[in-house]
Protein backbone atom coordinates (compact mmCIF):
# COMPACT_ATOMS: atom_id res chain seq x y z
CA MET A 1 100.94 11.77 9.05
CA MET A 2 104.42 11.48 10.66
CA SER A 3 102.85 11.70 14.11
CA ASP A 4 100.31 9.02 13.28
CA SER A 5 101.16 6.02 15.49
CA LYS A 6 99.89 3.62 12.82
CA PHE A 7 102.21 5.14 10.24
CA LEU A 8 105.20 4.89 12.58
CA ARG A 9 104.26 1.30 13.37
CA SER A 10 104.07 0.55 9.62
CA LEU A 11 107.67 1.81 9.29
CA VAL A 12 108.84 -0.33 12.20
CA GLU A 13 107.01 -3.41 10.92
CA PHE A 14 107.88 -2.80 7.26
CA ASP A 15 108.81 -6.07 5.53
CA LYS A 16 112.21 -5.03 4.22
CA ASP A 17 112.96 -8.56 3.03
CA ALA A 18 110.08 -8.30 0.56
CA LEU A 19 111.65 -5.41 -1.39
CA LYS A 20 111.95 -5.95 -5.14
CA ASP A 21 114.44 -4.60 -7.69
CA LYS A 22 111.73 -2.61 -9.40
CA GLU A 23 110.81 -0.77 -6.20
CA VAL A 24 114.40 0.00 -5.26
CA ASN A 25 115.25 1.16 -8.77
CA GLN A 26 112.39 3.66 -8.62
CA VAL A 27 113.92 5.17 -5.45
CA LEU A 28 117.44 5.14 -6.91
CA LYS A 29 116.23 7.41 -9.75
CA TYR A 30 115.51 10.10 -7.18
CA MET A 31 118.70 9.46 -5.26
CA LYS A 32 120.71 10.44 -8.34
CA ASP A 33 119.63 14.01 -7.70
CA PRO A 34 122.41 15.50 -5.49
CA LYS A 35 119.83 17.63 -3.70
CA PHE A 36 117.76 14.58 -2.79
CA ASN A 37 119.40 13.83 0.54
CA PRO A 38 118.51 14.16 4.23
CA GLN A 39 120.68 17.23 4.75
CA GLU A 40 119.00 19.21 1.97
CA LEU A 41 115.56 17.97 2.95
CA LYS A 42 116.16 18.88 6.59
CA ASN A 43 116.07 22.55 5.59
CA ILE A 44 112.52 21.99 4.40
CA SER A 45 111.21 19.33 6.80
CA THR A 46 112.90 17.63 9.71
CA ALA A 47 110.34 14.87 9.69
CA GLY A 48 110.78 14.41 5.94
CA ALA A 49 114.56 14.23 6.39
CA GLY A 50 114.07 11.51 9.01
CA LEU A 51 111.79 9.60 6.66
CA LEU A 52 114.33 9.92 3.86
CA LYS A 53 117.01 8.52 6.17
CA TRP A 54 114.71 5.56 6.71
CA VAL A 55 114.37 5.18 2.92
CA TYR A 56 118.17 5.33 2.54
CA ALA A 57 118.48 2.72 5.28
CA MET A 58 116.02 0.43 3.47
CA VAL A 59 117.93 0.84 0.19
CA ASN A 60 121.23 0.10 1.95
CA TYR A 61 119.66 -2.90 3.67
CA TYR A 62 118.40 -4.14 0.30
CA ASN A 63 121.87 -3.81 -1.29
CA VAL A 64 123.53 -5.62 1.62
CA ALA A 65 120.84 -8.30 1.74
CA LYS A 66 121.19 -8.81 -1.99
CA GLU A 67 124.79 -9.88 -1.40
CA ILE A 68 124.16 -11.71 1.85
CA ASN A 69 121.03 -13.66 0.86
CA PRO A 70 122.92 -15.99 -1.52
CA MET A 71 125.32 -16.64 1.34
CA ARG A 72 122.39 -17.29 3.67
CA ASN A 73 120.88 -19.64 1.14
CA ALA A 74 124.21 -21.40 0.76
CA VAL A 75 124.48 -21.77 4.54
CA LYS A 76 120.90 -23.01 4.74
CA LYS A 77 121.57 -25.51 1.95
CA ALA A 78 124.76 -26.63 3.67
CA GLU A 79 122.85 -27.06 6.95
CA GLN A 80 120.20 -29.11 5.15
CA GLU A 81 122.88 -31.24 3.50
CA LEU A 82 124.60 -31.66 6.87
CA THR A 83 121.32 -32.73 8.47
CA LYS A 84 120.75 -35.21 5.64
CA ALA A 85 124.31 -36.47 5.92
CA GLN A 86 123.88 -36.95 9.68
CA LYS A 87 120.66 -38.88 9.06
CA ASP A 88 122.41 -40.97 6.40
CA LEU A 89 125.29 -41.57 8.81
CA THR A 90 122.86 -42.70 11.51
CA LYS A 91 121.21 -45.02 8.99
CA VAL A 92 124.57 -46.42 7.89
CA LYS A 93 125.60 -46.97 11.53
CA LYS A 94 122.33 -48.80 12.15
CA GLU A 95 122.80 -50.95 9.04
CA LEU A 96 126.41 -51.63 10.08
CA LEU A 97 125.21 -52.75 13.51
CA GLU A 98 122.61 -55.01 11.89
CA LEU A 99 125.28 -56.45 9.56
CA SER A 100 127.56 -57.03 12.51
CA GLU A 101 124.78 -58.86 14.34
CA THR A 102 124.05 -60.89 11.20
CA LEU A 103 127.75 -61.72 10.90
CA ASP A 104 127.78 -62.94 14.49
CA GLU A 105 124.74 -65.10 13.78
CA LEU A 106 126.43 -66.51 10.67
CA LYS A 107 129.57 -67.27 12.66
CA GLN A 108 127.49 -69.10 15.24
CA GLY A 109 125.70 -70.94 12.46
CA LEU A 110 129.04 -71.89 10.90
CA GLU A 111 130.32 -73.20 14.22
CA LYS A 112 127.13 -75.19 14.68
CA ALA A 113 127.30 -76.53 11.11
CA THR A 114 130.95 -77.49 11.63
CA ALA A 115 130.03 -79.37 14.79
CA GLU A 116 127.21 -81.11 12.95
CA LYS A 117 129.61 -82.01 10.15
CA GLU A 118 131.97 -83.56 12.66
CA ASP A 119 129.10 -85.50 14.19
CA LEU A 120 128.10 -86.73 10.74
CA LYS A 121 131.67 -87.76 10.01
CA GLN A 122 131.84 -89.68 13.24
CA SER A 123 128.51 -91.31 12.42
CA ALA A 124 129.81 -92.23 8.96
CA ASP A 125 133.00 -93.68 10.43
CA ARG A 126 130.99 -95.63 12.94
CA MET A 127 128.71 -96.91 10.19
CA GLN A 128 131.75 -97.94 8.15
CA ARG A 129 133.10 -99.91 11.08
CA GLN A 130 129.72 -101.54 11.54
CA LEU A 131 129.65 -102.48 7.86
CA THR A 132 133.10 -103.97 8.10
CA ALA A 133 132.11 -105.97 11.16
CA ALA A 134 128.90 -107.08 9.44
CA GLU A 135 130.83 -108.30 6.42
CA LYS A 136 133.11 -110.33 8.68
CA LEU A 137 130.14 -111.78 10.50
CA ILE A 138 128.41 -112.70 7.25
CA ASN A 139 131.51 -114.54 6.08
CA GLY A 140 131.38 -116.59 9.29
CA LEU A 141 127.67 -117.38 9.06
CA GLY A 142 127.23 -119.34 5.85
CA SER A 143 123.67 -120.39 6.65
CA GLU A 144 122.67 -116.76 7.10
CA GLN A 145 124.66 -115.57 4.10
CA THR A 146 121.69 -114.70 1.87
CA ARG A 147 119.85 -112.72 4.54
CA TRP A 148 122.99 -111.00 5.69
CA ALA A 149 123.90 -110.19 2.09
CA GLU A 150 120.60 -108.41 1.71
CA ASP A 151 121.11 -106.61 5.01
CA ILE A 152 124.58 -105.51 4.03
CA ASN A 153 123.29 -104.13 0.75
CA VAL A 154 120.75 -102.10 2.72
CA LEU A 155 123.48 -100.90 5.05
CA ARG A 156 125.66 -99.94 2.11
CA GLN A 157 122.82 -97.96 0.60
CA ASN A 158 122.05 -96.41 3.98
CA PHE A 159 125.70 -95.47 4.23
CA VAL A 160 125.56 -93.80 0.80
CA ASN A 161 122.40 -91.94 1.85
CA LEU A 162 123.64 -91.19 5.36
CA LEU A 163 124.92 -87.70 4.62
CA GLY A 164 121.69 -86.56 2.99
CA ASP A 165 119.48 -88.30 5.57
CA CYS A 166 121.40 -86.78 8.48
CA LEU A 167 121.43 -83.37 6.82
CA MET A 168 117.66 -83.50 6.33
CA THR A 169 117.06 -84.79 9.86
CA SER A 170 119.36 -82.27 11.58
CA SER A 171 117.80 -79.43 9.56
CA PHE A 172 114.35 -80.58 10.66
CA LEU A 173 115.37 -80.69 14.32
CA SER A 174 117.17 -77.33 14.15
CA TYR A 175 114.70 -75.21 12.22
CA LEU A 176 111.21 -76.71 11.97
CA GLY A 177 110.28 -77.53 15.54
CA ALA A 178 108.18 -74.39 15.98
CA PHE A 179 106.06 -74.83 12.84
CA SER A 180 102.92 -76.80 12.09
CA PHE A 181 102.92 -80.36 10.76
CA GLU A 182 101.54 -79.20 7.38
CA PHE A 183 104.18 -76.49 6.95
CA ARG A 184 107.05 -78.82 7.94
CA THR A 185 105.85 -81.55 5.59
CA LYS A 186 105.39 -79.13 2.71
CA LEU A 187 108.80 -77.50 3.21
CA MET A 188 110.63 -80.83 3.40
CA ASP A 189 108.76 -82.52 0.51
CA GLU A 190 108.55 -79.57 -1.88
CA ARG A 191 111.69 -77.60 -1.11
CA TRP A 192 114.42 -79.42 0.80
CA GLN A 193 114.26 -82.86 -0.82
CA PRO A 194 114.16 -81.50 -4.41
CA ASP A 195 117.02 -79.13 -3.51
CA GLN A 196 119.16 -82.00 -2.19
CA LYS A 197 118.48 -84.07 -5.28
CA GLU A 198 119.34 -81.12 -7.50
CA ARG A 199 122.63 -80.72 -5.62
CA LYS A 200 123.20 -84.50 -6.06
CA ILE A 201 123.33 -85.12 -2.32
CA PRO A 202 122.36 -88.79 -1.71
CA LEU A 203 119.05 -89.18 0.08
CA SER A 204 116.85 -92.15 0.93
CA ASP A 205 113.92 -92.54 -1.46
CA PRO A 206 111.39 -92.48 -0.04
CA PHE A 207 112.83 -90.41 2.78
CA GLY A 208 111.43 -91.50 6.15
CA LEU A 209 112.00 -88.99 8.94
CA THR A 210 110.25 -91.16 11.52
CA ALA A 211 112.53 -94.10 10.86
CA LEU A 212 115.57 -91.95 11.52
CA LEU A 213 114.23 -90.39 14.71
CA THR A 214 112.76 -93.51 16.36
CA THR A 215 113.78 -97.07 17.14
CA ASP A 216 111.82 -100.29 17.23
């Protein structure tokens, strides 16, 4: 049997990692016998002594592996955790980059909004000057006083509504140019105008976008 190539191959290819406590304990019972060792067995059979050395080696491997395997498992777990941590780090870096890009966009939006605010302020100041000039002109044109009084009331109301009208108009020009007529109308009528009213921002009622964007 010892000279059988298949038997020798089975020893070489033996799955030592599949050994169980029960199997090893069965061998250890025999190893308690002081005469059960390769030296004693060599007097009877050299081949048997060699096979017993192999058995001793498997038992020793099992005992060492029993101590090392938890370490291997710990290393494997640590490697898995490291891999996960690296993936999480990559994800966090990506999210951080996206947040940074969003922050840049918000900064640009803030700068744009600030510029628009300044434009609105200048428009309001200009409108105030026009109102003042109109009032002076009305005082000098008694025959036109009634008509001019009506006009100045409209201008006053337009002045009150100027902020909301300009905000609505600038928002339309900035954000809705790429969308369809139906979508723009729905968004302005059902979302933006109610939102401005809820925030108590003055707005012409009815709001006429065309009147603000065109001239006679």
